[in-house]
Amino acid sequence: MTRYEVQHAYRADRDGDVLGPWEAGETVELEPEVADWVNNDSPGALQEAKETPAKPRQAKPAPDRQHKGAANR
């Protein structure tokens, strides 16, 4: 499946399947042949989404076990 960005509002019935409703700016995952059908039905409705590079995940630092806090004694 490929990710597509919706360019304008769209909804359709295709062979018993309901496509949408989608609003402009949404991202949907579709098979390429379904996306081609949607663009044939409504030119410019879908555009292949640009992939953004994933940010590397960083672990949270471990708590300092020797920290005693600021309690008055």
C-alpha atoms as a PDB file:
ATOM      1  CA  MET A   1       0.000   0.000   0.000  1.00  0.00           C
ATOM      2  CA  THR A   2       1.098   3.520  -0.732  1.00  0.00           C
ATOM      3  CA  ARG A   3       0.378   6.698   1.228  1.00  0.00           C
ATOM      4  CA  TYR A   4      -1.473   9.478  -0.597  1.00  0.00           C
ATOM      5  CA  GLU A   5      -2.351  13.015   0.446  1.00  0.00           C
ATOM      6  CA  VAL A   6      -5.909  14.133  -0.316  1.00  0.00           C
ATOM      7  CA  GLN A   7      -5.950  17.373  -2.309  1.00  0.00           C
ATOM      8  CA  HIS A   8      -9.686  18.141  -2.110  1.00  0.00           C
ATOM      9  CA  ALA A   9     -12.802  16.706  -0.464  1.00  0.00           C
ATOM     10  CA  TYR A  10     -13.785  13.369  -1.983  1.00  0.00           C
ATOM     11  CA  ARG A  11     -16.237  10.495  -1.512  1.00  0.00           C
ATOM     12  CA  ALA A  12     -17.299   7.743  -3.904  1.00  0.00           C
ATOM     13  CA  ASP A  13     -18.791   4.253  -4.159  1.00  0.00           C
ATOM     14  CA  ARG A  14     -16.756   1.768  -6.180  1.00  0.00           C
ATOM     15  CA  ASP A  15     -18.073  -1.747  -6.726  1.00  0.00           C
ATOM     16  CA  GLY A  16     -19.771  -1.732  -3.329  1.00  0.00           C
ATOM     17  CA  ASP A  17     -16.763  -0.210  -1.531  1.00  0.00           C
ATOM     18  CA  VAL A  18     -17.059   3.273  -0.065  1.00  0.00           C
ATOM     19  CA  LEU A  19     -14.029   5.508  -0.597  1.00  0.00           C
ATOM     20  CA  GLY A  20     -13.959   8.422   1.800  1.00  0.00           C
ATOM     21  CA  PRO A  21     -15.270  10.802   2.880  1.00  0.00           C
ATOM     22  CA  TRP A  22     -11.868  12.469   2.883  1.00  0.00           C
ATOM     23  CA  GLU A  23     -11.016  16.099   3.531  1.00  0.00           C
ATOM     24  CA  ALA A  24      -8.149  18.052   1.989  1.00  0.00           C
ATOM     25  CA  GLY A  25      -4.873  17.497   3.822  1.00  0.00           C
ATOM     26  CA  GLU A  26      -5.659  14.001   5.106  1.00  0.00           C
ATOM     27  CA  THR A  27      -3.300  11.122   4.393  1.00  0.00           C
ATOM     28  CA  VAL A  28      -4.706   7.756   3.292  1.00  0.00           C
ATOM     29  CA  GLU A  29      -3.164   4.393   2.425  1.00  0.00           C
ATOM     30  CA  LEU A  30      -4.446   2.813  -0.783  1.00  0.00           C
ATOM     31  CA  GLU A  31      -3.435   0.271  -3.376  1.00  0.00           C
ATOM     32  CA  PRO A  32      -1.985   2.059  -6.433  1.00  0.00           C
ATOM     33  CA  GLU A  33      -4.777   0.814  -8.735  1.00  0.00           C
ATOM     34  CA  VAL A  34      -7.451   2.221  -6.382  1.00  0.00           C
ATOM     35  CA  ALA A  35      -5.621   5.566  -6.247  1.00  0.00           C
ATOM     36  CA  ASP A  36      -5.469   5.601 -10.062  1.00  0.00           C
ATOM     37  CA  TRP A  37      -9.227   4.971 -10.173  1.00  0.00           C
ATOM     38  CA  VAL A  38      -9.860   7.843  -7.728  1.00  0.00           C
ATOM     39  CA  ASN A  39      -7.678  10.218  -9.773  1.00  0.00           C
ATOM     40  CA  ASN A  40      -9.481   9.117 -12.950  1.00  0.00           C
ATOM     41  CA  ASP A  41     -12.849   9.769 -11.284  1.00  0.00           C
ATOM     42  CA  SER A  42     -11.752  13.123  -9.817  1.00  0.00           C
ATOM     43  CA  PRO A  43      -8.546  14.454 -11.378  1.00  0.00           C
ATOM     44  CA  GLY A  44      -6.023  15.661  -8.829  1.00  0.00           C
ATOM     45  CA  ALA A  45      -7.854  14.219  -5.809  1.00  0.00           C
ATOM     46  CA  LEU A  46      -4.823  12.255  -4.592  1.00  0.00           C
ATOM     47  CA  GLN A  47      -1.124  12.963  -4.691  1.00  0.00           C
ATOM     48  CA  GLU A  48       1.548  10.571  -3.482  1.00  0.00           C
ATOM     49  CA  ALA A  49       2.625  11.660   0.006  1.00  0.00           C
ATOM     50  CA  LYS A  50       6.199  12.714   0.513  1.00  0.00           C
ATOM     51  CA  GLU A  51       7.925  10.540   3.073  1.00  0.00           C
ATOM     52  CA  THR A  52       9.486  12.408   5.963  1.00  0.00           C
ATOM     53  CA  PRO A  53      12.576  10.861   7.498  1.00  0.00           C
ATOM     54  CA  ALA A  54      11.874   9.285  10.856  1.00  0.00           C
ATOM     55  CA  LYS A  55      13.512  10.964  13.817  1.00  0.00           C
ATOM     56  CA  PRO A  56      15.785   8.672  15.799  1.00  0.00           C
ATOM     57  CA  ARG A  57      14.363   7.731  19.153  1.00  0.00           C
ATOM     58  CA  GLN A  58      16.405   8.584  22.200  1.00  0.00           C
ATOM     59  CA  ALA A  59      16.108   6.858  25.550  1.00  0.00           C
ATOM     60  CA  LYS A  60      15.236   8.954  28.563  1.00  0.00           C
ATOM     61  CA  PRO A  61      18.156   9.397  30.928  1.00  0.00           C
ATOM     62  CA  ALA A  62      18.113   7.137  33.977  1.00  0.00           C
ATOM     63  CA  PRO A  63      17.277   8.852  37.262  1.00  0.00           C
ATOM     64  CA  ASP A  64      20.178   9.747  39.538  1.00  0.00           C
ATOM     65  CA  ARG A  65      19.928   7.192  42.347  1.00  0.00           C
ATOM     66  CA  GLN A  66      22.304   9.084  44.603  1.00  0.00           C
ATOM     67  CA  HIS A  67      20.287  12.318  44.559  1.00  0.00           C
ATOM     68  CA  LYS A  68      18.949  12.865  48.072  1.00  0.00           C
ATOM     69  CA  GLY A  69      16.576  15.703  47.349  1.00  0.00           C
ATOM     70  CA  ALA A  70      16.276  18.985  49.267  1.00  0.00           C
ATOM     71  CA  ALA A  71      14.353  17.850  52.331  1.00  0.00           C
ATOM     72  CA  ASN A  72      15.104  19.606  55.607  1.00  0.00           C
ATOM     73  CA  ARG A  73      16.446  17.315  58.308  1.00  0.00           C
END
